[in-house]
Amino acid sequence: MATSREVWLVVAIWLLALTVSAFDPADRLTWFLEVLPVMVAAPLLIMTKSEFPLSRILLWMIFIHGPILIMGGHYTYAEVPFGFYLQDLFDFARNPYDRIGHFWQGFVPALLTREILLRKTPLVPGKMLFLICISIPLAFSAFYELIEWWAAIALDQNADAFLGTQGDPWDTQSDMFMALIGASVAYVMLAGLQDRQLRTGQKI
């Protein structure tokens, strides 16, 4: 299982990245909305590190997700330089960085859901666990799209950077589909490793 030192390292790197990103962001409100999940996750990791230590693979996947959100907050997702690099490299019609963000929006919650269910409920690896661990991230992604919709209504034109649709009429559906792909990939690729780390942690 992840150690307390690893948790503090993750949080320290996040805080450094947040501090740097807070200087002259493209849009201050968008920055706050996009990095808010990191601000919430950091204290939660610290508060639960003793009573509910995460598997190492889950902690470090959460860690990777942090800078993705922070980068999107600083530049806005439609303007992240790495996204323009990918757009030129693969001749995409738009900056694809938000697709990366939504992929991880499914990837990390799938592993988190799986770990909580395996440790706190009678569920065991199998079809039902797979279905739940795919459904919850997809539901979370759909709820996030509702939040974006509510923000657009509340903020009117000021929400354009937060929405980041880039003129794509199917942006909402594409975002949810990327979250579904992310959740499925996480489960297929990392479930076995997560199981091994959980078994090792239970023996300690």
N, C-alpha and C. Protein backbone atom coordinates (compact mmCIF):
# COMPACT_ATOMS: atom_id res chain seq x y z
N MET A 1 0.85 -1.20 0.00
CA MET A 1 0.00 0.00 0.00
C MET A 1 0.88 1.24 0.00
N ALA A 2 0.31 2.36 -0.43
CA ALA A 2 1.05 3.60 -0.46
C ALA A 2 1.39 4.05 0.95
N THR A 3 2.58 4.58 1.11
CA THR A 3 3.03 5.03 2.43
C THR A 3 2.62 6.48 2.66
N SER A 4 2.69 6.88 3.91
CA SER A 4 2.39 8.27 4.26
C SER A 4 3.35 9.22 3.54
N ARG A 5 4.60 8.80 3.41
CA ARG A 5 5.59 9.64 2.73
C ARG A 5 5.21 9.86 1.27
N GLU A 6 4.70 8.83 0.62
CA GLU A 6 4.28 8.96 -0.78
C GLU A 6 3.12 9.94 -0.90
N VAL A 7 2.18 9.87 0.03
CA VAL A 7 1.03 10.78 0.00
C VAL A 7 1.50 12.23 0.15
N TRP A 8 2.39 12.47 1.11
CA TRP A 8 2.90 13.82 1.31
C TRP A 8 3.67 14.31 0.08
N LEU A 9 4.39 13.40 -0.59
CA LEU A 9 5.12 13.77 -1.80
C LEU A 9 4.16 14.19 -2.90
N VAL A 10 3.09 13.41 -3.09
CA VAL A 10 2.07 13.74 -4.09
C VAL A 10 1.48 15.12 -3.81
N VAL A 11 1.08 15.34 -2.57
CA VAL A 11 0.45 16.61 -2.20
C VAL A 11 1.42 17.77 -2.37
N ALA A 12 2.70 17.57 -2.00
CA ALA A 12 3.69 18.64 -2.12
C ALA A 12 3.90 19.03 -3.59
N ILE A 13 3.98 18.03 -4.47
CA ILE A 13 4.16 18.32 -5.89
C ILE A 13 2.93 19.03 -6.45
N TRP A 14 1.76 18.58 -6.03
CA TRP A 14 0.53 19.24 -6.46
C TRP A 14 0.51 20.71 -6.02
N LEU A 15 0.88 20.96 -4.77
CA LEU A 15 0.86 22.34 -4.26
C LEU A 15 1.83 23.22 -5.04
N LEU A 16 2.98 22.67 -5.38
CA LEU A 16 3.93 23.43 -6.18
C LEU A 16 3.35 23.74 -7.55
N ALA A 17 2.75 22.72 -8.18
CA ALA A 17 2.15 22.93 -9.49
C ALA A 17 0.99 23.92 -9.43
N LEU A 18 0.18 23.85 -8.38
CA LEU A 18 -0.92 24.79 -8.22
C LEU A 18 -0.42 26.22 -8.05
N THR A 19 0.65 26.37 -7.28
CA THR A 19 1.21 27.70 -7.06
C THR A 19 1.71 28.31 -8.37
N VAL A 20 2.43 27.51 -9.14
CA VAL A 20 2.94 27.99 -10.42
C VAL A 20 1.79 28.33 -11.37
N SER A 21 0.79 27.46 -11.41
CA SER A 21 -0.33 27.66 -12.35
C SER A 21 -1.18 28.86 -11.97
N ALA A 22 -1.14 29.27 -10.70
CA ALA A 22 -1.96 30.39 -10.25
C ALA A 22 -1.44 31.74 -10.75
N PHE A 23 -0.20 31.78 -11.22
CA PHE A 23 0.36 33.01 -11.74
C PHE A 23 -0.11 33.25 -13.18
N ASP A 24 -0.87 34.31 -13.37
CA ASP A 24 -1.32 34.76 -14.68
C ASP A 24 -1.98 33.65 -15.51
N PRO A 25 -3.02 32.99 -14.99
CA PRO A 25 -3.73 32.00 -15.79
C PRO A 25 -4.51 32.68 -16.91
N ALA A 26 -4.90 31.94 -17.90
CA ALA A 26 -5.64 32.52 -19.03
C ALA A 26 -6.96 33.12 -18.57
N ASP A 27 -7.60 32.48 -17.61
CA ASP A 27 -8.87 32.98 -17.08
C ASP A 27 -8.95 32.55 -15.62
N ARG A 28 -9.01 33.51 -14.71
CA ARG A 28 -8.93 33.21 -13.27
C ARG A 28 -10.06 32.30 -12.81
N LEU A 29 -11.28 32.58 -13.24
CA LEU A 29 -12.42 31.76 -12.82
C LEU A 29 -12.30 30.34 -13.35
N THR A 30 -11.91 30.22 -14.63
CA THR A 30 -11.73 28.90 -15.21
C THR A 30 -10.65 28.12 -14.47
N TRP A 31 -9.57 28.81 -14.14
CA TRP A 31 -8.49 28.16 -13.38
C TRP A 31 -9.04 27.57 -12.08
N PHE A 32 -9.79 28.37 -11.36
CA PHE A 32 -10.33 27.89 -10.08
C PHE A 32 -11.25 26.69 -10.27
N LEU A 33 -12.15 26.77 -11.24
CA LEU A 33 -13.10 25.68 -11.46
C LEU A 33 -12.39 24.40 -11.87
N GLU A 34 -11.35 24.52 -12.69
CA GLU A 34 -10.67 23.33 -13.20
C GLU A 34 -9.75 22.68 -12.16
N VAL A 35 -9.13 23.49 -11.30
CA VAL A 35 -8.20 22.91 -10.30
C VAL A 35 -8.90 22.58 -8.99
N LEU A 36 -10.18 22.92 -8.86
CA LEU A 36 -10.91 22.65 -7.62
C LEU A 36 -10.85 21.17 -7.21
N PRO A 37 -10.98 20.22 -8.15
CA PRO A 37 -10.87 18.81 -7.74
C PRO A 37 -9.53 18.49 -7.07
N VAL A 38 -8.45 19.11 -7.53
CA VAL A 38 -7.15 18.88 -6.91
C VAL A 38 -7.13 19.46 -5.50
N MET A 39 -7.71 20.64 -5.34
CA MET A 39 -7.76 21.28 -4.03
C MET A 39 -8.57 20.44 -3.04
N VAL A 40 -9.58 19.75 -3.54
CA VAL A 40 -10.40 18.90 -2.68
C VAL A 40 -9.69 17.58 -2.40
N ALA A 41 -9.06 17.01 -3.43
CA ALA A 41 -8.42 15.70 -3.29
C ALA A 41 -7.21 15.74 -2.35
N ALA A 42 -6.44 16.83 -2.39
CA ALA A 42 -5.22 16.91 -1.59
C ALA A 42 -5.48 16.71 -0.09
N PRO A 43 -6.39 17.48 0.52
CA PRO A 43 -6.66 17.24 1.95
C PRO A 43 -7.30 15.88 2.23
N LEU A 44 -8.10 15.38 1.28
CA LEU A 44 -8.70 14.06 1.47
C LEU A 44 -7.63 12.97 1.52
N LEU A 45 -6.62 13.07 0.67
CA LEU A 45 -5.53 12.10 0.70
C LEU A 45 -4.81 12.13 2.04
N ILE A 46 -4.61 13.33 2.56
CA ILE A 46 -3.91 13.46 3.85
C ILE A 46 -4.77 12.90 4.99
N MET A 47 -6.05 13.22 4.97
CA MET A 47 -6.93 12.80 6.07
C MET A 47 -7.16 11.29 6.10
N THR A 48 -7.08 10.63 4.93
CA THR A 48 -7.39 9.19 4.87
C THR A 48 -6.15 8.31 4.76
N LYS A 49 -4.95 8.91 4.78
CA LYS A 49 -3.74 8.13 4.52
C LYS A 49 -3.46 7.06 5.57
N SER A 50 -3.97 7.23 6.77
CA SER A 50 -3.75 6.23 7.83
C SER A 50 -4.90 5.23 7.91
N GLU A 51 -6.13 5.71 7.90
CA GLU A 51 -7.28 4.82 8.05
C GLU A 51 -7.62 4.08 6.77
N PHE A 52 -7.34 4.69 5.62
CA PHE A 52 -7.66 4.04 4.35
C PHE A 52 -6.54 4.31 3.36
N PRO A 53 -5.36 3.73 3.60
CA PRO A 53 -4.24 3.93 2.66
C PRO A 53 -4.56 3.31 1.31
N LEU A 54 -4.27 4.04 0.26
CA LEU A 54 -4.57 3.56 -1.08
C LEU A 54 -3.49 2.62 -1.58
N SER A 55 -3.87 1.80 -2.55
CA SER A 55 -2.85 1.01 -3.24
C SER A 55 -1.92 1.97 -3.96
N ARG A 56 -0.69 1.54 -4.16
CA ARG A 56 0.27 2.44 -4.81
C ARG A 56 -0.17 2.81 -6.22
N ILE A 57 -0.71 1.85 -6.95
CA ILE A 57 -1.09 2.13 -8.33
C ILE A 57 -2.20 3.18 -8.37
N LEU A 58 -3.14 3.12 -7.44
CA LEU A 58 -4.21 4.11 -7.41
C LEU A 58 -3.67 5.48 -7.02
N LEU A 59 -2.83 5.54 -6.01
CA LEU A 59 -2.28 6.83 -5.59
C LEU A 59 -1.54 7.51 -6.72
N TRP A 60 -0.71 6.76 -7.45
CA TRP A 60 0.10 7.40 -8.49
C TRP A 60 -0.70 7.71 -9.75
N MET A 61 -1.79 7.00 -9.98
CA MET A 61 -2.69 7.40 -11.06
C MET A 61 -3.43 8.69 -10.69
N ILE A 62 -3.83 8.80 -9.42
CA ILE A 62 -4.43 10.05 -8.95
C ILE A 62 -3.43 11.19 -9.09
N PHE A 63 -2.17 10.90 -8.76
CA PHE A 63 -1.13 11.92 -8.87
C PHE A 63 -1.01 12.43 -10.32
N ILE A 64 -1.00 11.53 -11.29
CA ILE A 64 -0.88 11.93 -12.69
C ILE A 64 -2.08 12.79 -13.12
N HIS A 65 -3.24 12.44 -12.62
CA HIS A 65 -4.45 13.19 -12.98
C HIS A 65 -4.36 14.65 -12.52
N GLY A 66 -3.69 14.88 -11.40
CA GLY A 66 -3.59 16.23 -10.86
C GLY A 66 -2.99 17.23 -11.83
N PRO A 67 -1.78 17.01 -12.34
CA PRO A 67 -1.18 17.96 -13.29
C PRO A 67 -1.99 18.14 -14.58
N ILE A 68 -2.70 17.10 -14.99
CA ILE A 68 -3.55 17.23 -16.17
C ILE A 68 -4.63 18.28 -15.93
N LEU A 69 -5.25 18.23 -14.75
CA LEU A 69 -6.26 19.22 -14.39
C LEU A 69 -5.64 20.60 -14.22
N ILE A 70 -4.49 20.65 -13.58
CA ILE A 70 -3.84 21.93 -13.32
C ILE A 70 -3.42 22.62 -14.62
N MET A 71 -2.88 21.84 -15.54
CA MET A 71 -2.49 22.38 -16.83
C MET A 71 -3.70 22.93 -17.58
N GLY A 72 -4.78 22.16 -17.56
CA GLY A 72 -6.01 22.62 -18.21
C GLY A 72 -6.56 23.88 -17.57
N GLY A 73 -6.39 23.99 -16.25
CA GLY A 73 -6.86 25.18 -15.56
C GLY A 73 -6.05 26.41 -15.91
N HIS A 74 -4.74 26.26 -16.03
CA HIS A 74 -3.89 27.41 -16.30
C HIS A 74 -4.11 27.97 -17.70
N TYR A 75 -4.14 27.11 -18.69
CA TYR A 75 -4.24 27.57 -20.08
C TYR A 75 -5.69 27.63 -20.59
N THR A 76 -6.60 26.93 -19.95
CA THR A 76 -7.91 26.48 -20.44
C THR A 76 -7.64 25.31 -21.38
N TYR A 77 -8.53 24.33 -21.36
CA TYR A 77 -8.27 23.08 -22.09
C TYR A 77 -8.09 23.29 -23.59
N ALA A 78 -8.78 24.25 -24.15
CA ALA A 78 -8.71 24.48 -25.59
C ALA A 78 -7.41 25.14 -26.02
N GLU A 79 -6.61 25.62 -25.03
CA GLU A 79 -5.41 26.37 -25.38
C GLU A 79 -4.12 25.75 -24.81
N VAL A 80 -4.18 24.55 -24.29
CA VAL A 80 -2.98 23.92 -23.73
C VAL A 80 -1.97 23.64 -24.85
N PRO A 81 -0.73 24.09 -24.73
CA PRO A 81 0.27 23.92 -25.80
C PRO A 81 0.48 22.46 -26.19
N PHE A 82 0.50 21.55 -25.24
CA PHE A 82 0.69 20.14 -25.57
C PHE A 82 -0.43 19.64 -26.47
N GLY A 83 -1.63 20.16 -26.27
CA GLY A 83 -2.75 19.79 -27.13
C GLY A 83 -2.55 20.27 -28.55
N PHE A 84 -2.00 21.48 -28.71
CA PHE A 84 -1.71 21.98 -30.06
C PHE A 84 -0.63 21.14 -30.73
N TYR A 85 0.33 20.68 -29.93
CA TYR A 85 1.38 19.80 -30.47
C TYR A 85 0.75 18.51 -31.01
N LEU A 86 -0.16 17.92 -30.25
CA LEU A 86 -0.84 16.70 -30.70
C LEU A 86 -1.72 16.99 -31.91
N GLN A 87 -2.34 18.16 -31.93
CA GLN A 87 -3.19 18.53 -33.06
C GLN A 87 -2.38 18.59 -34.35
N ASP A 88 -1.19 19.19 -34.27
CA ASP A 88 -0.33 19.28 -35.45
C ASP A 88 0.25 17.91 -35.83
N LEU A 89 0.63 17.14 -34.80
CA LEU A 89 1.26 15.84 -35.05
C LEU A 89 0.32 14.87 -35.74
N PHE A 90 -0.93 14.84 -35.29
CA PHE A 90 -1.90 13.88 -35.83
C PHE A 90 -2.93 14.52 -36.76
N ASP A 91 -2.74 15.79 -37.07
CA ASP A 91 -3.63 16.52 -37.97
C ASP A 91 -5.08 16.48 -37.49
N PHE A 92 -5.26 16.70 -36.18
CA PHE A 92 -6.60 16.77 -35.63
C PHE A 92 -7.26 18.08 -36.03
N ALA A 93 -8.58 18.11 -36.00
CA ALA A 93 -9.33 19.32 -36.35
C ALA A 93 -9.40 20.29 -35.18
N ARG A 94 -9.07 19.84 -33.97
CA ARG A 94 -9.19 20.67 -32.78
C ARG A 94 -8.11 20.26 -31.79
N ASN A 95 -7.91 21.11 -30.80
CA ASN A 95 -7.00 20.78 -29.70
C ASN A 95 -7.62 19.64 -28.89
N PRO A 96 -6.93 18.49 -28.78
CA PRO A 96 -7.54 17.32 -28.14
C PRO A 96 -7.26 17.21 -26.65
N TYR A 97 -6.69 18.24 -26.04
CA TYR A 97 -6.27 18.10 -24.64
C TYR A 97 -7.46 17.81 -23.72
N ASP A 98 -8.63 18.37 -24.02
CA ASP A 98 -9.78 18.09 -23.16
C ASP A 98 -10.18 16.63 -23.23
N ARG A 99 -9.91 15.98 -24.38
CA ARG A 99 -10.20 14.54 -24.48
C ARG A 99 -9.31 13.75 -23.52
N ILE A 100 -8.06 14.19 -23.40
CA ILE A 100 -7.16 13.55 -22.43
C ILE A 100 -7.70 13.71 -21.03
N GLY A 101 -8.16 14.91 -20.72
CA GLY A 101 -8.71 15.16 -19.39
C GLY A 101 -9.91 14.28 -19.09
N HIS A 102 -10.79 14.11 -20.06
CA HIS A 102 -11.98 13.30 -19.83
C HIS A 102 -11.66 11.81 -19.83
N PHE A 103 -10.63 11.40 -20.54
CA PHE A 103 -10.16 10.01 -20.46
C PHE A 103 -9.76 9.70 -19.01
N TRP A 104 -8.99 10.62 -18.42
CA TRP A 104 -8.55 10.41 -17.04
C TRP A 104 -9.69 10.60 -16.05
N GLN A 105 -10.71 11.33 -16.45
CA GLN A 105 -11.90 11.49 -15.61
C GLN A 105 -12.63 10.15 -15.45
N GLY A 106 -12.45 9.25 -16.39
CA GLY A 106 -12.99 7.90 -16.24
C GLY A 106 -11.97 6.93 -15.67
N PHE A 107 -10.71 7.12 -16.04
CA PHE A 107 -9.63 6.20 -15.67
C PHE A 107 -9.46 6.12 -14.15
N VAL A 108 -9.27 7.26 -13.52
CA VAL A 108 -8.99 7.28 -12.08
C VAL A 108 -10.23 6.89 -11.25
N PRO A 109 -11.41 7.45 -11.52
CA PRO A 109 -12.58 7.03 -10.74
C PRO A 109 -12.89 5.53 -10.84
N ALA A 110 -12.57 4.91 -11.96
CA ALA A 110 -12.81 3.47 -12.09
C ALA A 110 -11.95 2.69 -11.09
N LEU A 111 -10.67 3.06 -10.99
CA LEU A 111 -9.79 2.39 -10.03
C LEU A 111 -10.19 2.71 -8.59
N LEU A 112 -10.58 3.96 -8.35
CA LEU A 112 -10.99 4.36 -7.00
C LEU A 112 -12.26 3.62 -6.59
N THR A 113 -13.23 3.57 -7.49
CA THR A 113 -14.48 2.85 -7.21
C THR A 113 -14.19 1.38 -6.93
N ARG A 114 -13.34 0.79 -7.73
CA ARG A 114 -13.01 -0.63 -7.57
C ARG A 114 -12.36 -0.91 -6.21
N GLU A 115 -11.45 -0.03 -5.83
CA GLU A 115 -10.74 -0.23 -4.56
C GLU A 115 -11.68 -0.09 -3.37
N ILE A 116 -12.54 0.91 -3.40
CA ILE A 116 -13.48 1.10 -2.31
C ILE A 116 -14.43 -0.09 -2.20
N LEU A 117 -14.96 -0.53 -3.33
CA LEU A 117 -15.92 -1.64 -3.31
C LEU A 117 -15.28 -2.94 -2.85
N LEU A 118 -14.06 -3.20 -3.28
CA LEU A 118 -13.39 -4.43 -2.86
C LEU A 118 -13.06 -4.44 -1.38
N ARG A 119 -12.78 -3.27 -0.83
CA ARG A 119 -12.36 -3.19 0.56
C ARG A 119 -13.50 -2.94 1.54
N LYS A 120 -14.61 -2.41 1.05
CA LYS A 120 -15.68 -2.02 1.95
C LYS A 120 -17.00 -2.76 1.73
N THR A 121 -17.07 -3.60 0.71
CA THR A 121 -18.30 -4.33 0.44
C THR A 121 -17.98 -5.80 0.19
N PRO A 122 -18.99 -6.67 0.14
CA PRO A 122 -18.75 -8.10 -0.14
C PRO A 122 -18.43 -8.39 -1.60
N LEU A 123 -18.46 -7.39 -2.46
CA LEU A 123 -18.21 -7.63 -3.88
C LEU A 123 -16.82 -8.20 -4.11
N VAL A 124 -16.74 -9.09 -5.10
CA VAL A 124 -15.46 -9.69 -5.49
C VAL A 124 -15.26 -9.46 -6.98
N PRO A 125 -14.01 -9.59 -7.48
CA PRO A 125 -13.79 -9.41 -8.92
C PRO A 125 -14.72 -10.29 -9.76
N GLY A 126 -15.30 -9.69 -10.77
CA GLY A 126 -16.23 -10.41 -11.63
C GLY A 126 -17.03 -9.44 -12.47
N LYS A 127 -18.05 -9.94 -13.14
CA LYS A 127 -18.82 -9.13 -14.08
C LYS A 127 -19.56 -7.99 -13.39
N MET A 128 -20.13 -8.26 -12.20
CA MET A 128 -20.89 -7.22 -11.51
C MET A 128 -19.97 -6.08 -11.08
N LEU A 129 -18.80 -6.42 -10.54
CA LEU A 129 -17.86 -5.39 -10.14
C LEU A 129 -17.42 -4.56 -11.34
N PHE A 130 -17.15 -5.23 -12.45
CA PHE A 130 -16.76 -4.53 -13.67
C PHE A 130 -17.85 -3.55 -14.10
N LEU A 131 -19.10 -4.01 -14.10
CA LEU A 131 -20.22 -3.17 -14.52
C LEU A 131 -20.34 -1.93 -13.64
N ILE A 132 -20.24 -2.11 -12.34
CA ILE A 132 -20.37 -0.98 -11.41
C ILE A 132 -19.21 -0.01 -11.58
N CYS A 133 -18.01 -0.56 -11.73
CA CYS A 133 -16.82 0.28 -11.83
C CYS A 133 -16.74 1.04 -13.15
N ILE A 134 -17.48 0.61 -14.13
CA ILE A 134 -17.58 1.35 -15.39
C ILE A 134 -18.73 2.36 -15.32
N SER A 135 -19.81 1.96 -14.66
CA SER A 135 -21.02 2.80 -14.61
C SER A 135 -20.83 4.05 -13.75
N ILE A 136 -20.16 3.91 -12.61
CA ILE A 136 -20.01 5.05 -11.71
C ILE A 136 -19.17 6.16 -12.35
N PRO A 137 -18.01 5.87 -12.96
CA PRO A 137 -17.28 6.95 -13.64
C PRO A 137 -18.07 7.57 -14.77
N LEU A 138 -18.84 6.75 -15.49
CA LEU A 138 -19.66 7.30 -16.57
C LEU A 138 -20.74 8.23 -16.01
N ALA A 139 -21.34 7.83 -14.89
CA ALA A 139 -22.34 8.68 -14.24
C ALA A 139 -21.69 9.97 -13.73
N PHE A 140 -20.49 9.86 -13.18
CA PHE A 140 -19.78 11.05 -12.71
C PHE A 140 -19.48 11.99 -13.87
N SER A 141 -19.08 11.42 -15.01
CA SER A 141 -18.79 12.22 -16.19
C SER A 141 -20.05 12.96 -16.67
N ALA A 142 -21.17 12.25 -16.66
CA ALA A 142 -22.43 12.87 -17.07
C ALA A 142 -22.81 14.00 -16.11
N PHE A 143 -22.60 13.78 -14.81
CA PHE A 143 -22.90 14.82 -13.82
C PHE A 143 -21.99 16.02 -14.01
N TYR A 144 -20.74 15.79 -14.36
CA TYR A 144 -19.80 16.89 -14.61
C TYR A 144 -20.27 17.72 -15.80
N GLU A 145 -20.83 17.05 -16.82
CA GLU A 145 -21.36 17.80 -17.96
C GLU A 145 -22.55 18.65 -17.54
N LEU A 146 -23.34 18.17 -16.60
CA LEU A 146 -24.44 18.98 -16.07
C LEU A 146 -23.90 20.20 -15.33
N ILE A 147 -22.81 20.00 -14.58
CA ILE A 147 -22.19 21.13 -13.88
C ILE A 147 -21.72 22.18 -14.89
N GLU A 148 -21.12 21.73 -15.99
CA GLU A 148 -20.68 22.66 -17.02
C GLU A 148 -21.87 23.41 -17.61
N TRP A 149 -22.97 22.72 -17.80
CA TRP A 149 -24.19 23.35 -18.33
C TRP A 149 -24.70 24.41 -17.36
N TRP A 150 -24.77 24.05 -16.06
CA TRP A 150 -25.24 25.01 -15.05
C TRP A 150 -24.30 26.21 -14.97
N ALA A 151 -22.99 25.95 -15.09
CA ALA A 151 -22.02 27.05 -15.07
C ALA A 151 -22.23 27.98 -16.26
N ALA A 152 -22.52 27.40 -17.41
CA ALA A 152 -22.74 28.20 -18.62
C ALA A 152 -23.96 29.10 -18.46
N ILE A 153 -25.00 28.56 -17.81
CA ILE A 153 -26.21 29.34 -17.60
C ILE A 153 -25.95 30.46 -16.59
N ALA A 154 -25.25 30.12 -15.53
CA ALA A 154 -25.01 31.08 -14.45
C ALA A 154 -24.04 32.18 -14.86
N LEU A 155 -23.01 31.79 -15.64
CA LEU A 155 -21.95 32.74 -15.97
C LEU A 155 -22.09 33.35 -17.35
N ASP A 156 -23.04 32.84 -18.13
CA ASP A 156 -23.28 33.32 -19.49
C ASP A 156 -22.00 33.20 -20.31
N GLN A 157 -21.54 34.24 -20.95
CA GLN A 157 -20.39 34.17 -21.84
C GLN A 157 -19.08 33.85 -21.12
N ASN A 158 -19.01 34.14 -19.82
CA ASN A 158 -17.79 33.90 -19.07
C ASN A 158 -17.48 32.42 -18.90
N ALA A 159 -18.42 31.55 -19.26
CA ALA A 159 -18.22 30.12 -19.10
C ALA A 159 -17.62 29.47 -20.35
N ASP A 160 -17.40 30.24 -21.41
CA ASP A 160 -16.91 29.65 -22.65
C ASP A 160 -15.60 28.90 -22.46
N ALA A 161 -14.66 29.49 -21.71
CA ALA A 161 -13.37 28.85 -21.50
C ALA A 161 -13.51 27.57 -20.68
N PHE A 162 -14.46 27.57 -19.74
CA PHE A 162 -14.69 26.39 -18.91
C PHE A 162 -15.31 25.27 -19.73
N LEU A 163 -16.23 25.61 -20.61
CA LEU A 163 -16.88 24.61 -21.45
C LEU A 163 -15.90 24.01 -22.46
N GLY A 164 -15.14 24.85 -23.14
CA GLY A 164 -14.11 24.38 -24.06
C GLY A 164 -14.63 23.50 -25.18
N THR A 165 -15.80 23.80 -25.71
CA THR A 165 -16.38 22.94 -26.75
C THR A 165 -15.68 23.10 -28.09
N GLN A 166 -15.02 24.21 -28.33
CA GLN A 166 -14.30 24.49 -29.57
C GLN A 166 -15.20 24.31 -30.80
N GLY A 167 -16.47 24.66 -30.65
CA GLY A 167 -17.39 24.60 -31.77
C GLY A 167 -17.89 23.21 -32.11
N ASP A 168 -17.59 22.21 -31.28
CA ASP A 168 -18.00 20.84 -31.55
C ASP A 168 -19.40 20.60 -30.98
N PRO A 169 -20.41 20.36 -31.83
CA PRO A 169 -21.77 20.15 -31.32
C PRO A 169 -21.92 18.86 -30.53
N TRP A 170 -20.98 17.93 -30.71
CA TRP A 170 -21.03 16.64 -30.02
C TRP A 170 -20.01 16.58 -28.89
N ASP A 171 -19.56 17.72 -28.40
CA ASP A 171 -18.51 17.75 -27.38
C ASP A 171 -18.92 17.02 -26.11
N THR A 172 -20.15 17.23 -25.66
CA THR A 172 -20.62 16.58 -24.43
C THR A 172 -20.60 15.07 -24.56
N GLN A 173 -21.12 14.57 -25.67
CA GLN A 173 -21.16 13.12 -25.88
C GLN A 173 -19.75 12.54 -26.02
N SER A 174 -18.87 13.28 -26.71
CA SER A 174 -17.50 12.82 -26.88
C SER A 174 -16.77 12.77 -25.54
N ASP A 175 -17.02 13.76 -24.69
CA ASP A 175 -16.38 13.79 -23.37
C ASP A 175 -16.79 12.57 -22.54
N MET A 176 -18.08 12.26 -22.54
CA MET A 176 -18.55 11.11 -21.77
C MET A 176 -18.01 9.80 -22.35
N PHE A 177 -17.92 9.75 -23.68
CA PHE A 177 -17.38 8.55 -24.31
C PHE A 177 -15.92 8.34 -23.95
N MET A 178 -15.15 9.43 -23.88
CA MET A 178 -13.75 9.32 -23.49
C MET A 178 -13.63 8.84 -22.03
N ALA A 179 -14.53 9.29 -21.17
CA ALA A 179 -14.53 8.81 -19.79
C ALA A 179 -14.84 7.32 -19.73
N LEU A 180 -15.76 6.88 -20.56
CA LEU A 180 -16.09 5.45 -20.63
C LEU A 180 -14.89 4.63 -21.10
N ILE A 181 -14.20 5.14 -22.11
CA ILE A 181 -13.00 4.45 -22.59
C ILE A 181 -11.94 4.42 -21.48
N GLY A 182 -11.74 5.55 -20.80
CA GLY A 182 -10.76 5.60 -19.74
C GLY A 182 -11.05 4.61 -18.63
N ALA A 183 -12.31 4.53 -18.22
CA ALA A 183 -12.69 3.59 -17.16
C ALA A 183 -12.45 2.15 -17.60
N SER A 184 -12.80 1.84 -18.83
CA SER A 184 -12.62 0.48 -19.34
C SER A 184 -11.14 0.11 -19.44
N VAL A 185 -10.33 1.03 -19.94
CA VAL A 185 -8.89 0.79 -20.07
C VAL A 185 -8.25 0.58 -18.70
N ALA A 186 -8.62 1.41 -17.74
CA ALA A 186 -8.07 1.29 -16.39
C ALA A 186 -8.39 -0.07 -15.80
N TYR A 187 -9.63 -0.51 -15.96
CA TYR A 187 -10.04 -1.79 -15.39
C TYR A 187 -9.28 -2.94 -16.05
N VAL A 188 -9.23 -2.93 -17.36
CA VAL A 188 -8.60 -4.04 -18.09
C VAL A 188 -7.10 -4.09 -17.84
N MET A 189 -6.46 -2.94 -17.82
CA MET A 189 -5.00 -2.90 -17.72
C MET A 189 -4.48 -3.03 -16.29
N LEU A 190 -5.20 -2.48 -15.31
CA LEU A 190 -4.62 -2.34 -13.98
C LEU A 190 -5.33 -3.10 -12.87
N ALA A 191 -6.44 -3.76 -13.17
CA ALA A 191 -7.18 -4.48 -12.13
C ALA A 191 -6.32 -5.56 -11.48
N GLY A 192 -5.57 -6.29 -12.29
CA GLY A 192 -4.73 -7.36 -11.74
C GLY A 192 -3.66 -6.82 -10.81
N LEU A 193 -3.00 -5.75 -11.23
CA LEU A 193 -1.97 -5.14 -10.39
C LEU A 193 -2.57 -4.58 -9.11
N GLN A 194 -3.73 -3.96 -9.23
CA GLN A 194 -4.41 -3.44 -8.04
C GLN A 194 -4.75 -4.56 -7.07
N ASP A 195 -5.23 -5.69 -7.59
CA ASP A 195 -5.55 -6.84 -6.73
C ASP A 195 -4.31 -7.34 -5.99
N ARG A 196 -3.20 -7.43 -6.68
CA ARG A 196 -1.97 -7.92 -6.05
C ARG A 196 -1.52 -6.97 -4.95
N GLN A 197 -1.61 -5.68 -5.21
CA GLN A 197 -1.19 -4.71 -4.19
C GLN A 197 -2.15 -4.72 -2.99
N LEU A 198 -3.42 -4.93 -3.24
CA LEU A 198 -4.38 -5.00 -2.13
C LEU A 198 -4.13 -6.25 -1.30
N ARG A 199 -3.86 -7.38 -1.95
CA ARG A 199 -3.58 -8.61 -1.20
C ARG A 199 -2.32 -8.45 -0.36
N THR A 200 -1.30 -7.83 -0.92
CA THR A 200 -0.06 -7.60 -0.18
C THR A 200 -0.30 -6.69 1.01
N GLY A 201 -1.10 -5.65 0.81
CA GLY A 201 -1.40 -4.71 1.88
C GLY A 201 -2.18 -5.36 3.01
N GLN A 202 -3.07 -6.30 2.68
CA GLN A 202 -3.88 -6.97 3.70
C GLN A 202 -3.04 -7.90 4.56
N LYS A 203 -1.93 -8.37 4.03
CA LYS A 203 -1.08 -9.29 4.78
C LYS A 203 -0.20 -8.58 5.79
N ILE A 204 0.00 -7.26 5.56
CA ILE A 204 0.90 -6.51 6.44
C ILE A 204 0.24 -6.28 7.80
